[in-house]
Amino acid sequence: MEEKLWELVQKKETEGKVVFMTIDGPMEADLEEFIQQPTEGLLYDLNRDRVTVLTFMKQDNPKWANDYAVGLVIGKLKKYYDKAKTVPEP
């Protein structure tokens, strides 16, 4: 399964798409459209929103701390992205 998923992720990347896991399995979205959504939706789809990440604290895997950091970084970068989009090009 992991090898097939890796092949799917790579294939979709070449098509300009992002693959992410959901409760129903892998989903794909156009990367440009995906990043247009509000930060909360973006982090939710990536399972990096605060509520989801903090549920992993109870497991014996400190990876949750990196996931939490990823969510914070994405949120900050999204603010920069949104601000840059509103600036008219010369």
N, C-alpha and C. Protein backbone atom coordinates (compact mmCIF):
# COMPACT_ATOMS: atom_id res chain seq x y z
N MET A 1 0.82 -1.20 0.00
CA MET A 1 0.00 0.00 0.00
C MET A 1 0.86 1.26 0.00
N GLU A 2 1.90 1.27 0.83
CA GLU A 2 2.74 2.47 0.93
C GLU A 2 3.42 2.78 -0.41
N GLU A 3 3.87 1.75 -1.11
CA GLU A 3 4.53 1.98 -2.40
C GLU A 3 3.54 2.53 -3.43
N LYS A 4 2.33 1.99 -3.44
CA LYS A 4 1.32 2.50 -4.36
C LYS A 4 0.95 3.94 -4.02
N LEU A 5 0.86 4.24 -2.74
CA LEU A 5 0.56 5.60 -2.32
C LEU A 5 1.68 6.54 -2.75
N TRP A 6 2.92 6.12 -2.58
CA TRP A 6 4.06 6.94 -2.98
C TRP A 6 4.02 7.20 -4.48
N GLU A 7 3.70 6.17 -5.26
CA GLU A 7 3.60 6.34 -6.71
C GLU A 7 2.49 7.32 -7.07
N LEU A 8 1.35 7.23 -6.38
CA LEU A 8 0.24 8.15 -6.62
C LEU A 8 0.65 9.59 -6.29
N VAL A 9 1.30 9.77 -5.14
CA VAL A 9 1.74 11.11 -4.71
C VAL A 9 2.68 11.71 -5.75
N GLN A 10 3.64 10.92 -6.21
CA GLN A 10 4.59 11.40 -7.21
C GLN A 10 3.90 11.74 -8.53
N LYS A 11 3.02 10.86 -8.98
CA LYS A 11 2.32 11.09 -10.24
C LYS A 11 1.50 12.37 -10.17
N LYS A 12 0.76 12.54 -9.11
CA LYS A 12 -0.10 13.72 -8.98
C LYS A 12 0.72 14.99 -8.84
N GLU A 13 1.88 14.90 -8.21
CA GLU A 13 2.75 16.07 -8.11
C GLU A 13 3.15 16.57 -9.49
N THR A 14 3.44 15.65 -10.40
CA THR A 14 3.82 16.06 -11.76
C THR A 14 2.66 16.70 -12.49
N GLU A 15 1.43 16.44 -12.02
CA GLU A 15 0.23 17.03 -12.61
C GLU A 15 -0.17 18.33 -11.90
N GLY A 16 0.65 18.78 -10.94
CA GLY A 16 0.34 20.00 -10.20
C GLY A 16 -0.72 19.80 -9.12
N LYS A 17 -0.82 18.56 -8.64
CA LYS A 17 -1.81 18.24 -7.61
C LYS A 17 -1.14 17.83 -6.32
N VAL A 18 -1.89 17.92 -5.24
CA VAL A 18 -1.44 17.48 -3.93
C VAL A 18 -2.33 16.33 -3.50
N VAL A 19 -1.74 15.31 -2.89
CA VAL A 19 -2.49 14.17 -2.37
C VAL A 19 -2.42 14.23 -0.85
N PHE A 20 -3.58 14.07 -0.21
CA PHE A 20 -3.61 14.06 1.24
C PHE A 20 -4.57 12.98 1.70
N MET A 21 -4.33 12.48 2.89
CA MET A 21 -5.13 11.37 3.41
C MET A 21 -6.35 11.88 4.16
N THR A 22 -7.46 11.20 3.95
CA THR A 22 -8.69 11.48 4.67
C THR A 22 -9.17 10.18 5.31
N ILE A 23 -10.23 10.25 6.05
CA ILE A 23 -10.80 9.05 6.66
C ILE A 23 -11.25 8.05 5.59
N ASP A 24 -11.55 8.56 4.39
CA ASP A 24 -11.98 7.70 3.29
C ASP A 24 -10.83 7.27 2.38
N GLY A 25 -9.62 7.67 2.73
CA GLY A 25 -8.46 7.31 1.92
C GLY A 25 -7.87 8.54 1.26
N PRO A 26 -6.98 8.34 0.27
CA PRO A 26 -6.32 9.48 -0.35
C PRO A 26 -7.27 10.32 -1.19
N MET A 27 -7.07 11.62 -1.12
CA MET A 27 -7.79 12.56 -1.96
C MET A 27 -6.76 13.41 -2.68
N GLU A 28 -7.15 13.98 -3.78
CA GLU A 28 -6.25 14.86 -4.53
C GLU A 28 -6.93 16.18 -4.79
N ALA A 29 -6.11 17.20 -4.93
CA ALA A 29 -6.64 18.54 -5.25
C ALA A 29 -5.58 19.27 -6.05
N ASP A 30 -6.03 20.18 -6.89
CA ASP A 30 -5.12 21.06 -7.60
C ASP A 30 -4.38 21.89 -6.55
N LEU A 31 -3.06 21.89 -6.59
CA LEU A 31 -2.27 22.57 -5.56
C LEU A 31 -2.57 24.06 -5.51
N GLU A 32 -2.68 24.70 -6.66
CA GLU A 32 -2.96 26.13 -6.68
C GLU A 32 -4.32 26.44 -6.05
N GLU A 33 -5.32 25.61 -6.33
CA GLU A 33 -6.64 25.81 -5.73
C GLU A 33 -6.63 25.48 -4.24
N PHE A 34 -5.89 24.43 -3.88
CA PHE A 34 -5.82 23.99 -2.50
C PHE A 34 -5.32 25.09 -1.58
N ILE A 35 -4.29 25.82 -2.02
CA ILE A 35 -3.73 26.85 -1.15
C ILE A 35 -4.57 28.13 -1.13
N GLN A 36 -5.60 28.20 -1.95
CA GLN A 36 -6.49 29.36 -1.95
C GLN A 36 -7.49 29.33 -0.79
N GLN A 37 -7.70 28.15 -0.21
CA GLN A 37 -8.70 28.05 0.84
C GLN A 37 -8.23 28.73 2.13
N PRO A 38 -9.15 29.05 3.02
CA PRO A 38 -8.75 29.67 4.29
C PRO A 38 -7.79 28.78 5.06
N THR A 39 -6.97 29.38 5.90
CA THR A 39 -5.95 28.65 6.66
C THR A 39 -6.56 27.49 7.44
N GLU A 40 -7.68 27.71 8.08
CA GLU A 40 -8.30 26.67 8.90
C GLU A 40 -8.64 25.44 8.06
N GLY A 41 -9.16 25.65 6.86
CA GLY A 41 -9.47 24.53 5.97
C GLY A 41 -8.23 23.83 5.47
N LEU A 42 -7.23 24.60 5.16
CA LEU A 42 -5.95 24.06 4.70
C LEU A 42 -5.35 23.14 5.77
N LEU A 43 -5.27 23.64 6.99
CA LEU A 43 -4.70 22.84 8.08
C LEU A 43 -5.57 21.64 8.41
N TYR A 44 -6.88 21.80 8.34
CA TYR A 44 -7.79 20.68 8.60
C TYR A 44 -7.58 19.57 7.57
N ASP A 45 -7.54 19.93 6.30
CA ASP A 45 -7.35 18.93 5.24
C ASP A 45 -6.03 18.20 5.39
N LEU A 46 -5.03 18.89 5.90
CA LEU A 46 -3.70 18.28 6.08
C LEU A 46 -3.54 17.61 7.44
N ASN A 47 -4.62 17.59 8.24
CA ASN A 47 -4.57 17.05 9.60
C ASN A 47 -3.51 17.74 10.45
N ARG A 48 -3.37 19.04 10.27
CA ARG A 48 -2.40 19.81 11.03
C ARG A 48 -3.06 20.94 11.81
N ASP A 49 -4.39 20.91 11.90
CA ASP A 49 -5.05 21.90 12.75
C ASP A 49 -4.77 21.54 14.21
N ARG A 50 -4.83 22.51 15.09
CA ARG A 50 -4.44 22.31 16.49
C ARG A 50 -5.20 21.18 17.16
N VAL A 51 -6.48 21.12 16.96
CA VAL A 51 -7.29 20.10 17.64
C VAL A 51 -6.84 18.70 17.24
N THR A 52 -6.66 18.48 15.95
CA THR A 52 -6.24 17.16 15.47
C THR A 52 -4.85 16.81 15.97
N VAL A 53 -3.91 17.73 15.84
CA VAL A 53 -2.52 17.45 16.24
C VAL A 53 -2.45 17.14 17.73
N LEU A 54 -3.17 17.88 18.54
CA LEU A 54 -3.08 17.66 19.99
C LEU A 54 -3.69 16.33 20.42
N THR A 55 -4.53 15.72 19.58
CA THR A 55 -5.04 14.39 19.93
C THR A 55 -3.93 13.34 19.88
N PHE A 56 -2.86 13.62 19.16
CA PHE A 56 -1.75 12.67 19.06
C PHE A 56 -0.80 12.74 20.26
N MET A 57 -1.00 13.72 21.15
CA MET A 57 -0.15 13.85 22.33
C MET A 57 -0.22 12.60 23.20
N LYS A 58 -1.35 11.95 23.21
CA LYS A 58 -1.55 10.79 24.08
C LYS A 58 -0.82 9.55 23.57
N GLN A 59 -0.34 9.59 22.36
CA GLN A 59 0.40 8.46 21.80
C GLN A 59 1.86 8.57 22.21
N ASP A 60 2.59 7.50 22.08
CA ASP A 60 4.01 7.49 22.45
C ASP A 60 4.90 7.96 21.32
N ASN A 61 4.45 8.93 20.55
CA ASN A 61 5.23 9.41 19.42
C ASN A 61 5.30 10.93 19.49
N PRO A 62 6.48 11.47 19.75
CA PRO A 62 6.60 12.92 19.87
C PRO A 62 6.49 13.65 18.53
N LYS A 63 6.17 12.93 17.46
CA LYS A 63 5.99 13.56 16.15
C LYS A 63 4.92 14.65 16.19
N TRP A 64 4.00 14.56 17.13
CA TRP A 64 2.95 15.56 17.24
C TRP A 64 3.52 16.97 17.39
N ALA A 65 4.67 17.10 18.04
CA ALA A 65 5.28 18.42 18.24
C ALA A 65 5.69 19.02 16.89
N ASN A 66 6.25 18.19 16.01
CA ASN A 66 6.62 18.67 14.67
C ASN A 66 5.38 18.99 13.85
N ASP A 67 4.35 18.17 13.98
CA ASP A 67 3.10 18.43 13.27
C ASP A 67 2.49 19.76 13.72
N TYR A 68 2.56 20.02 15.01
CA TYR A 68 2.05 21.28 15.55
C TYR A 68 2.85 22.45 14.97
N ALA A 69 4.17 22.28 14.94
CA ALA A 69 5.04 23.33 14.38
C ALA A 69 4.74 23.55 12.90
N VAL A 70 4.51 22.49 12.16
CA VAL A 70 4.16 22.61 10.74
C VAL A 70 2.89 23.43 10.58
N GLY A 71 1.91 23.18 11.43
CA GLY A 71 0.67 23.93 11.37
C GLY A 71 0.90 25.42 11.62
N LEU A 72 1.73 25.74 12.60
CA LEU A 72 2.04 27.15 12.89
C LEU A 72 2.76 27.81 11.71
N VAL A 73 3.71 27.10 11.13
CA VAL A 73 4.47 27.64 10.00
C VAL A 73 3.55 27.85 8.80
N ILE A 74 2.71 26.87 8.50
CA ILE A 74 1.79 27.01 7.38
C ILE A 74 0.87 28.20 7.60
N GLY A 75 0.38 28.35 8.82
CA GLY A 75 -0.49 29.48 9.12
C GLY A 75 0.19 30.81 8.88
N LYS A 76 1.43 30.94 9.30
CA LYS A 76 2.18 32.18 9.12
C LYS A 76 2.46 32.43 7.64
N LEU A 77 2.89 31.40 6.93
CA LEU A 77 3.17 31.54 5.50
C LEU A 77 1.90 31.89 4.72
N LYS A 78 0.78 31.33 5.13
CA LYS A 78 -0.49 31.63 4.46
C LYS A 78 -0.86 33.10 4.64
N LYS A 79 -0.58 33.65 5.82
CA LYS A 79 -0.84 35.08 6.03
C LYS A 79 0.00 35.92 5.07
N TYR A 80 1.28 35.57 4.92
CA TYR A 80 2.15 36.28 3.98
C TYR A 80 1.63 36.13 2.55
N TYR A 81 1.23 34.93 2.21
CA TYR A 81 0.73 34.64 0.87
C TYR A 81 -0.52 35.48 0.58
N ASP A 82 -1.47 35.45 1.52
CA ASP A 82 -2.71 36.21 1.33
C ASP A 82 -2.43 37.71 1.22
N LYS A 83 -1.52 38.20 2.03
CA LYS A 83 -1.18 39.64 1.97
C LYS A 83 -0.53 39.98 0.63
N ALA A 84 0.35 39.14 0.16
CA ALA A 84 1.04 39.38 -1.11
C ALA A 84 0.07 39.35 -2.29
N LYS A 85 -0.95 38.53 -2.20
CA LYS A 85 -1.93 38.43 -3.28
C LYS A 85 -2.72 39.70 -3.44
N THR A 86 -2.91 40.46 -2.38
CA THR A 86 -3.74 41.64 -2.43
C THR A 86 -2.97 42.88 -2.91
N VAL A 87 -1.66 42.74 -3.02
CA VAL A 87 -0.84 43.87 -3.48
C VAL A 87 -0.86 43.89 -5.00
N PRO A 88 -1.28 44.99 -5.60
CA PRO A 88 -1.32 45.04 -7.07
C PRO A 88 0.09 44.96 -7.65
N GLU A 89 0.20 44.25 -8.75
CA GLU A 89 1.52 44.15 -9.42
C GLU A 89 1.78 45.44 -10.17
N PRO A 90 3.05 45.86 -10.21
CA PRO A 90 3.39 47.10 -10.92
C PRO A 90 3.20 46.99 -12.43
